[in-house]
């Protein structure tokens, strides 16, 4: 038994993928039964891990799953085939490279692609023709037309180009979309700009006279929660379904829960009786307090795990034994020092104690939003930085 013992990583993210099912249910209640949900799980499910999340995402009842890179689609399709999943459609939400399209076609992935210009449509068509000739069979790829209304990064600007694309024989237009430029996470918002985008999109629809089966989709996460007039046939739900990047505006009832429950580590060293004004960390940019001797706890987290290198200057705190303590000194690659001088004498910090960097401990709670604001970063960006560097542990939330 001892020979087979495997140590858990000292610094890790605890997550409960089942929360995704709950969150989609709450989002669905805002949409109504007729609006489809496309689950956006790009960037490895926003850092949560497609391997860790795919089972819960499928069981959440979404009609579409959307990723970007083929490394993501390989995981999804392997899981689909092993579990006989054929009722969920797949959509790539960014332009495919030639190699990505070829791999998808020769392996019969049936990924629906996005087309944002006539040049791209013709480029795809030639690749499809070449693969068709190579395999000796006709191949038709389902595509979604992306209409430019404000983002400026990808989208048709001319009706005539869309109409030409509709006539390309090996492209089957089954969806039409645009991307809203607003994130809709904090008021005030430019409602006029959103309405203008919608008017532009509606004008395109009126001129194209598409078949009623063509799926129309516009809303991103923020618009899905706050702007019913953007919903159309389907909404594209990304970060909101994972829960870390929500606020009182997007989720006034507080029903959306974060899947990442806790970013935690452990107390590795305790040092007592440190003289006043002693330098801590590289370059000694901070010193211990001047009024008395200090006690510090060195914890197993550093910038290698996503903790900011100068977090001490932004007054970051951590939770130990249900109490907030300040960090001190420049963050090292794998270690960080915490000032625990003011610990409760009847509840003193011990070696091996759990340290919560983000999450709940006792009655105290440090949210993703609180942590990110101290860095002046968008919560989603901070979440990705940490999640892409930290091991993840699946647990069952209470």
Protein backbone atom coordinates (compact mmCIF):
# COMPACT_ATOMS: atom_id res chain seq x y z
CA UNK A 1 0.00 0.00 0.00
CA UNK A 2 2.80 2.42 0.91
CA UNK A 3 4.65 1.49 -2.28
CA UNK A 4 1.67 2.66 -4.36
CA UNK A 5 1.26 5.95 -2.52
CA UNK A 6 1.07 9.00 -4.81
CA UNK A 7 1.33 12.47 -3.29
CA UNK A 8 -1.24 15.09 -4.21
CA UNK A 9 0.19 18.27 -5.67
CA UNK A 10 0.73 20.83 -2.92
CA UNK A 11 -0.78 23.61 -5.03
CA UNK A 12 -3.91 22.74 -6.96
CA UNK A 13 -7.35 23.84 -8.11
CA UNK A 14 -10.32 21.97 -6.72
CA UNK A 15 -13.18 21.80 -9.22
CA UNK A 16 -16.60 20.21 -9.53
CA UNK A 17 -17.61 19.67 -13.20
CA UNK A 18 -21.16 18.79 -12.13
CA UNK A 19 -21.76 22.48 -11.40
CA UNK A 20 -21.76 23.07 -15.16
CA UNK A 21 -25.03 21.13 -15.41
CA UNK A 22 -26.59 23.35 -12.75
CA UNK A 23 -25.35 26.52 -14.45
CA UNK A 24 -26.70 25.54 -17.87
CA UNK A 25 -30.06 24.79 -16.27
CA UNK A 26 -30.13 28.30 -14.78
CA UNK A 27 -29.08 29.87 -18.09
CA UNK A 28 -31.72 27.83 -19.93
CA UNK A 29 -34.39 29.33 -17.66
CA UNK A 30 -33.49 32.77 -19.05
CA UNK A 31 -33.82 31.65 -22.66
CA UNK A 32 -36.94 29.56 -22.97
CA UNK A 33 -37.28 26.13 -24.54
CA UNK A 34 -36.99 27.20 -28.19
CA UNK A 35 -33.51 28.74 -27.97
CA UNK A 36 -30.62 26.34 -28.48
CA UNK A 37 -27.41 26.57 -26.49
CA UNK A 38 -23.99 26.33 -28.06
CA UNK A 39 -21.49 25.53 -25.29
CA UNK A 40 -18.26 27.39 -26.07
CA UNK A 41 -15.38 25.37 -24.60
CA UNK A 42 -12.42 26.94 -26.39
CA UNK A 43 -9.04 27.38 -24.68
CA UNK A 44 -9.38 23.96 -23.05
CA UNK A 45 -12.80 24.78 -21.61
CA UNK A 46 -11.60 28.17 -20.36
CA UNK A 47 -8.81 26.45 -18.46
CA UNK A 48 -11.08 23.91 -16.75
CA UNK A 49 -9.92 21.08 -19.02
CA UNK A 50 -12.03 19.52 -21.76
CA UNK A 51 -11.12 16.04 -20.51
CA UNK A 52 -12.36 16.95 -17.04
CA UNK A 53 -15.48 18.74 -18.29
CA UNK A 54 -16.77 16.87 -21.36
CA UNK A 55 -19.02 14.38 -19.53
CA UNK A 56 -20.83 17.12 -17.60
CA UNK A 57 -21.08 19.35 -20.67
CA UNK A 58 -22.77 16.58 -22.64
CA UNK A 59 -25.13 15.75 -19.78
CA UNK A 60 -26.08 19.43 -19.42
CA UNK A 61 -28.29 19.08 -22.49
CA UNK A 62 -26.63 21.62 -24.80
CA UNK A 63 -27.39 21.26 -28.49
CA UNK A 64 -23.98 22.39 -29.78
CA UNK A 65 -20.41 22.24 -28.54
CA UNK A 66 -17.88 24.68 -29.96
CA UNK A 67 -14.10 24.64 -29.74
CA UNK A 68 -11.27 26.15 -31.80
CA UNK A 69 -8.19 23.94 -32.07
CA UNK A 70 -8.04 20.40 -33.40
CA UNK A 71 -6.35 19.23 -30.20
CA UNK A 72 -9.64 20.13 -28.50
CA UNK A 73 -11.81 18.43 -31.12
CA UNK A 74 -9.72 15.25 -30.89
CA UNK A 75 -10.63 14.93 -27.22
CA UNK A 76 -14.30 15.71 -27.83
CA UNK A 77 -14.72 13.37 -30.79
CA UNK A 78 -12.84 10.51 -29.11
CA UNK A 79 -15.18 10.84 -26.14
CA UNK A 80 -18.24 11.07 -28.41
CA UNK A 81 -17.31 7.90 -30.28
CA UNK A 82 -16.48 5.95 -27.14
CA UNK A 83 -19.83 6.92 -25.62
CA UNK A 84 -21.99 6.79 -28.78
CA UNK A 85 -22.85 10.50 -28.66
CA UNK A 86 -24.40 11.63 -31.94
CA UNK A 87 -27.09 14.12 -30.92
CA UNK A 88 -24.77 17.08 -30.26
CA UNK A 89 -23.44 19.09 -33.17
CA UNK A 90 -19.89 20.45 -33.29
CA UNK A 91 -18.92 23.94 -34.42
CA UNK A 92 -15.52 25.62 -34.77
CA UNK A 93 -15.80 29.22 -33.66
CA UNK A 94 -12.64 30.47 -35.41
CA UNK A 95 -11.23 30.04 -38.93
CA UNK A 96 -9.72 26.61 -39.52
CA UNK A 97 -6.22 26.24 -40.91
CA UNK A 98 -5.69 24.10 -43.98
CA UNK A 99 -4.23 21.31 -41.84
CA UNK A 100 -7.12 21.46 -39.36
CA UNK A 101 -9.69 21.22 -42.13
CA UNK A 102 -7.89 18.30 -43.78
CA UNK A 103 -7.68 16.35 -40.51
CA UNK A 104 -11.36 16.97 -39.84
CA UNK A 105 -12.40 15.85 -43.32
CA UNK A 106 -10.33 12.68 -43.63
CA UNK A 107 -11.47 11.53 -40.18
CA UNK A 108 -15.17 12.31 -40.73
CA UNK A 109 -15.42 14.62 -37.73
CA UNK A 110 -18.40 16.51 -39.17
CA UNK A 111 -17.28 19.78 -37.58
CA UNK A 112 -19.28 22.77 -38.81
CA UNK A 113 -16.90 25.54 -39.83
CA UNK A 114 -17.24 29.32 -39.68
CA UNK A 115 -16.73 31.34 -42.88
CA UNK A 116 -15.97 35.05 -42.60
CA UNK A 117 -15.08 36.16 -46.12
CA UNK A 118 -15.43 35.13 -49.75
CA UNK A 119 -11.68 34.49 -49.95
CA UNK A 120 -11.94 32.10 -47.04
CA UNK A 121 -14.96 30.34 -48.57
CA UNK A 122 -13.11 29.81 -51.84
CA UNK A 123 -10.00 28.67 -49.94
CA UNK A 124 -12.05 26.09 -48.06
CA UNK A 125 -13.74 24.98 -51.27
CA UNK A 126 -10.43 24.23 -52.96
CA UNK A 127 -9.19 22.23 -49.96
CA UNK A 128 -12.43 20.26 -49.91
CA UNK A 129 -12.16 19.56 -53.64
CA UNK A 130 -8.61 18.29 -53.23
CA UNK A 131 -9.62 15.97 -50.38
CA UNK A 132 -12.67 14.79 -52.34
CA UNK A 133 -10.43 13.88 -55.29
CA UNK A 134 -7.97 12.15 -52.99
CA UNK A 135 -10.65 10.06 -51.26
CA UNK A 136 -12.68 9.48 -54.39
CA UNK A 137 -15.94 10.79 -52.94
CA UNK A 138 -17.90 14.02 -52.81
CA UNK A 139 -17.53 15.97 -49.57
CA UNK A 140 -19.78 18.82 -48.48
CA UNK A 141 -18.88 20.86 -45.40
CA UNK A 142 -21.51 22.56 -43.27
CA UNK A 143 -20.65 26.21 -42.62
CA UNK A 144 -21.90 29.19 -40.64
CA UNK A 145 -21.70 32.59 -42.33
CA UNK A 146 -20.19 35.24 -40.05
CA UNK A 147 -21.47 38.76 -40.79
CA UNK A 148 -19.33 41.76 -39.89
CA UNK A 149 -21.24 44.24 -37.73
CA UNK A 150 -18.61 45.73 -35.36
CA UNK A 151 -15.77 43.40 -34.33
CA UNK A 152 -13.62 43.91 -37.41
CA UNK A 153 -11.74 40.63 -37.07
CA UNK A 154 -13.78 38.23 -39.23
CA UNK A 155 -17.00 38.66 -41.16
CA UNK A 156 -18.60 39.28 -44.55
CA UNK A 157 -19.12 42.94 -45.42
CA UNK A 158 -20.91 42.50 -48.76
CA UNK A 159 -24.25 40.80 -49.43
CA UNK A 160 -23.00 39.78 -52.86
CA UNK A 161 -20.08 37.87 -51.31
CA UNK A 162 -22.47 35.94 -49.06
CA UNK A 163 -24.71 35.16 -52.01
CA UNK A 164 -21.72 33.92 -53.99
CA UNK A 165 -20.69 31.71 -51.06
CA UNK A 166 -24.20 30.24 -50.92
CA UNK A 167 -23.68 28.97 -54.47
CA UNK A 168 -20.43 27.12 -53.75
CA UNK A 169 -21.43 23.49 -54.20
CA UNK A 170 -19.26 21.89 -51.54
CA UNK A 171 -20.27 24.36 -48.81
CA UNK A 172 -23.66 23.96 -47.16
CA UNK A 173 -24.73 27.13 -45.32
CA UNK A 174 -26.60 25.90 -42.25
CA UNK A 175 -26.00 28.86 -39.93
CA UNK A 176 -25.54 32.62 -39.96
CA UNK A 177 -24.08 34.66 -37.13
CA UNK A 178 -22.42 37.83 -35.98
CA UNK A 179 -20.38 38.58 -32.88
CA UNK A 180 -21.42 41.32 -30.50
CA UNK A 181 -18.62 43.72 -29.59
CA UNK A 182 -19.93 44.29 -26.06
CA UNK A 183 -19.05 41.98 -23.19
CA UNK A 184 -22.08 43.19 -21.18
CA UNK A 185 -20.51 42.48 -17.80
CA UNK A 186 -20.73 45.85 -16.09
CA UNK A 187 -23.05 48.84 -16.56
CA UNK A 188 -23.29 51.37 -18.08
CA UNK A 189 -23.45 49.83 -21.53
CA UNK A 190 -23.68 51.21 -25.02
CA UNK A 191 -27.17 50.01 -25.86
CA UNK A 192 -27.16 52.08 -29.05
CA UNK A 193 -24.11 50.21 -30.35
CA UNK A 194 -25.74 46.85 -29.68
CA UNK A 195 -28.98 47.90 -31.35
CA UNK A 196 -26.99 49.13 -34.34
CA UNK A 197 -25.29 45.74 -34.67
CA UNK A 198 -28.66 44.02 -34.48
CA UNK A 199 -30.12 46.28 -37.16
CA UNK A 200 -27.18 45.53 -39.46
CA UNK A 201 -27.63 41.81 -38.91
CA UNK A 202 -31.38 41.98 -39.46
CA UNK A 203 -30.83 43.90 -42.70
CA UNK A 204 -28.55 41.14 -43.98
CA UNK A 205 -31.14 38.52 -43.06
CA UNK A 206 -33.88 40.39 -44.89
CA UNK A 207 -31.80 40.62 -48.07
CA UNK A 208 -30.66 37.00 -48.07
CA UNK A 209 -34.08 35.41 -47.51
CA UNK A 210 -32.56 32.30 -45.98
CA UNK A 211 -34.28 28.99 -45.47
CA UNK A 212 -36.02 28.92 -42.09
CA UNK A 213 -33.84 25.97 -41.02
CA UNK A 214 -30.68 28.10 -41.15
CA UNK A 215 -29.66 28.70 -37.52
CA UNK A 216 -29.31 32.36 -36.58
CA UNK A 217 -27.07 33.12 -33.61
CA UNK A 218 -25.66 36.32 -32.16
CA UNK A 219 -25.60 36.41 -28.34
CA UNK A 220 -22.41 35.87 -26.37
CA UNK A 221 -22.36 35.02 -22.65
CA UNK A 222 -23.19 38.53 -21.46
CA UNK A 223 -25.97 39.08 -23.99
CA UNK A 224 -27.42 35.65 -23.25
CA UNK A 225 -27.97 36.75 -19.66
CA UNK A 226 -29.01 40.36 -20.20
CA UNK A 227 -30.38 41.00 -23.72
CA UNK A 228 -33.27 38.80 -24.75
CA UNK A 229 -33.64 40.53 -28.12
CA UNK A 230 -30.25 39.07 -29.18
CA UNK A 231 -31.16 35.42 -28.61
CA UNK A 232 -32.54 34.37 -32.04
CA UNK A 233 -32.36 30.57 -32.59
CA UNK A 234 -29.26 29.93 -30.51
CA UNK A 235 -26.94 31.60 -28.00
CA UNK A 236 -23.22 30.98 -27.64
CA UNK A 237 -22.54 30.46 -23.95
CA UNK A 238 -18.93 30.49 -22.82
CA UNK A 239 -17.45 31.92 -19.65
CA UNK A 240 -20.78 32.51 -17.90
CA UNK A 241 -21.41 28.76 -17.69
CA UNK A 242 -18.16 28.19 -15.80
CA UNK A 243 -19.12 30.68 -13.12
CA UNK A 244 -15.86 32.36 -12.10
CA UNK A 245 -16.36 35.50 -14.18
CA UNK A 246 -19.90 36.42 -13.13
CA UNK A 247 -21.12 39.37 -11.09
CA UNK A 248 -24.32 40.90 -9.72
CA UNK A 249 -25.17 42.42 -13.09
CA UNK A 250 -24.93 39.18 -15.07
CA UNK A 251 -26.32 37.05 -12.25
CA UNK A 252 -28.38 39.27 -9.91
CA UNK A 253 -29.89 36.27 -8.09
CA UNK A 254 -26.50 34.68 -7.50
CA UNK A 255 -27.57 31.32 -8.93
CA UNK A 256 -24.57 30.71 -11.20
CA UNK A 257 -21.82 28.93 -9.29
CA UNK A 258 -18.06 28.78 -9.99
CA UNK A 259 -16.78 25.37 -11.07
CA UNK A 260 -13.39 26.12 -9.57
CA UNK A 261 -14.20 25.80 -5.88
CA UNK A 262 -10.83 26.51 -4.38
CA UNK A 263 -7.26 27.40 -5.31
CA UNK A 264 -5.27 26.02 -2.45
CA UNK A 265 -1.84 25.04 -1.21
CA UNK A 266 -0.20 24.18 2.12
CA UNK A 267 1.98 25.73 4.82
CA UNK A 268 5.48 24.34 4.22
CA UNK A 269 7.63 26.34 6.66
CA UNK A 270 6.96 28.45 9.76
CA UNK A 271 9.66 30.85 10.94
CA UNK A 272 9.35 32.57 14.32
CA UNK A 273 11.06 35.52 16.01
CA UNK A 274 12.08 37.31 12.83
CA UNK A 275 13.63 40.69 13.79
CA UNK A 276 11.83 43.90 12.81
CA UNK A 277 12.62 45.30 9.33
CA UNK A 278 14.02 42.01 8.02
CA UNK A 279 14.02 41.76 4.19
CA UNK A 280 11.77 39.12 2.65
CA UNK A 281 12.16 37.62 -0.82
CA UNK A 282 14.20 38.56 -3.87
CA UNK A 283 15.60 42.11 -3.89
CA UNK A 284 14.14 42.72 -0.43
CA UNK A 285 11.36 44.87 -1.86
CA UNK A 286 9.40 44.38 1.37
CA UNK A 287 10.49 44.00 4.96
CA UNK A 288 8.82 42.63 8.05
CA UNK A 289 6.97 45.03 10.33
CA UNK A 290 8.98 47.54 12.30
CA UNK A 291 7.06 47.49 15.59
CA UNK A 292 7.84 43.93 16.72
CA UNK A 293 9.21 40.54 15.75
CA UNK A 294 7.31 38.63 13.08
CA UNK A 295 6.17 35.10 12.40
CA UNK A 296 5.96 34.00 8.77
CA UNK A 297 4.61 30.98 6.95
CA UNK A 298 6.15 29.96 3.64
CA UNK A 299 3.53 28.43 1.37
CA UNK A 300 3.89 26.27 -1.74
CA UNK A 301 2.72 28.57 -4.51
CA UNK A 302 4.60 30.90 -6.83
CA UNK A 303 4.49 32.64 -10.16
CA UNK A 304 4.99 29.25 -11.83
CA UNK A 305 1.43 28.46 -10.70
CA UNK A 306 0.01 31.81 -11.77
CA UNK A 307 0.40 33.83 -8.59
CA UNK A 308 1.47 37.40 -9.48
CA UNK A 309 5.16 38.05 -8.95
CA UNK A 310 4.48 41.42 -7.30
CA UNK A 311 1.28 40.40 -5.54
CA UNK A 312 2.65 41.80 -2.28
CA UNK A 313 2.42 45.33 -3.68
CA UNK A 314 -1.26 44.79 -4.45
CA UNK A 315 -1.98 43.68 -0.87
CA UNK A 316 -3.03 40.13 -1.70
CA UNK A 317 -4.33 38.04 1.18
CA UNK A 318 -4.68 34.30 1.76
CA UNK A 319 -6.82 32.27 4.14
CA UNK A 320 -5.30 30.05 6.81
CA UNK A 321 -7.42 28.56 9.58
CA UNK A 322 -10.33 30.70 8.44
CA UNK A 323 -8.47 34.00 8.82
CA UNK A 324 -7.05 36.46 6.27
CA UNK A 325 -3.30 36.99 6.29
CA UNK A 326 -1.20 39.31 4.07
CA UNK A 327 1.53 38.04 1.80
CA UNK A 328 4.91 39.70 2.11
CA UNK A 329 7.82 39.98 -0.30
CA UNK A 330 8.26 39.29 -3.98
CA UNK A 331 6.75 35.99 -5.15
CA UNK A 332 9.30 33.29 -5.95
CA UNK A 333 8.83 30.67 -8.64
CA UNK A 334 7.43 28.04 -6.26
CA UNK A 335 7.15 29.72 -2.86
CA UNK A 336 5.52 32.69 -1.20
CA UNK A 337 5.80 34.17 2.29
CA UNK A 338 2.79 35.05 4.45
CA UNK A 339 2.87 37.26 7.56
CA UNK A 340 1.04 35.28 10.26
CA UNK A 341 2.18 37.38 13.21
CA UNK A 342 -1.42 38.30 14.07
CA UNK A 343 -2.64 34.71 14.22
CA UNK A 344 -5.05 33.72 16.96
CA UNK A 345 -3.09 32.36 19.90
CA UNK A 346 -5.68 29.68 20.53
CA UNK A 347 -5.76 28.66 16.84
CA UNK A 348 -2.16 28.87 15.69
CA UNK A 349 -1.01 28.05 12.17
CA UNK A 350 0.61 24.62 11.86
CA UNK A 351 2.84 22.95 9.28
CA UNK A 352 0.73 21.25 6.62
CA UNK A 353 -2.27 23.55 7.14
CA UNK A 354 -4.44 24.25 4.12
CA UNK A 355 -3.97 27.69 2.58
CA UNK A 356 -6.79 29.01 0.41
CA UNK A 357 -5.76 31.61 -2.16
CA UNK A 358 -9.15 31.78 -3.88
CA UNK A 359 -12.26 30.19 -2.43
CA UNK A 360 -13.89 29.60 0.92
CA UNK A 361 -12.38 28.58 4.23
CA UNK A 362 -14.55 28.71 7.32
CA UNK A 363 -16.68 31.83 7.08
CA UNK A 364 -14.17 33.74 4.94
CA UNK A 365 -14.25 33.84 1.15
CA UNK A 366 -11.89 35.28 -1.47
CA UNK A 367 -13.62 35.40 -4.84
CA UNK A 368 -12.05 35.26 -8.28
CA UNK A 369 -13.31 38.78 -8.81
CA UNK A 370 -11.61 40.08 -5.65
CA UNK A 371 -8.32 38.43 -6.56
CA UNK A 372 -8.42 39.70 -10.16
CA UNK A 373 -9.33 43.26 -9.23
CA UNK A 374 -6.19 43.56 -7.14
CA UNK A 375 -4.24 42.73 -10.29
CA UNK A 376 -6.40 45.07 -12.39
CA UNK A 377 -7.11 42.15 -14.67
CA UNK A 378 -10.28 40.76 -16.16
CA UNK A 379 -11.37 37.76 -14.12
CA UNK A 380 -11.41 35.51 -17.19
CA UNK A 381 -7.79 36.40 -18.01
CA UNK A 382 -6.67 35.76 -14.43
CA UNK A 383 -8.57 32.48 -14.31
CA UNK A 384 -6.92 31.25 -17.52
CA UNK A 385 -3.45 32.21 -16.31
CA UNK A 386 -3.88 30.22 -13.11
CA UNK A 387 -5.82 27.27 -14.53
CA UNK A 388 -3.34 26.72 -17.35
CA UNK A 389 -0.52 26.30 -14.83
CA UNK A 390 -2.12 24.51 -11.88
CA UNK A 391 -3.01 20.84 -11.48
CA UNK A 392 -6.75 20.26 -11.14
CA UNK A 393 -8.43 17.99 -8.61
CA UNK A 394 -12.05 16.91 -9.10
CA UNK A 395 -14.14 16.99 -5.94
CA UNK A 396 -17.84 16.93 -5.13
CA UNK A 397 -19.13 20.27 -3.83
CA UNK A 398 -21.59 20.39 -0.97
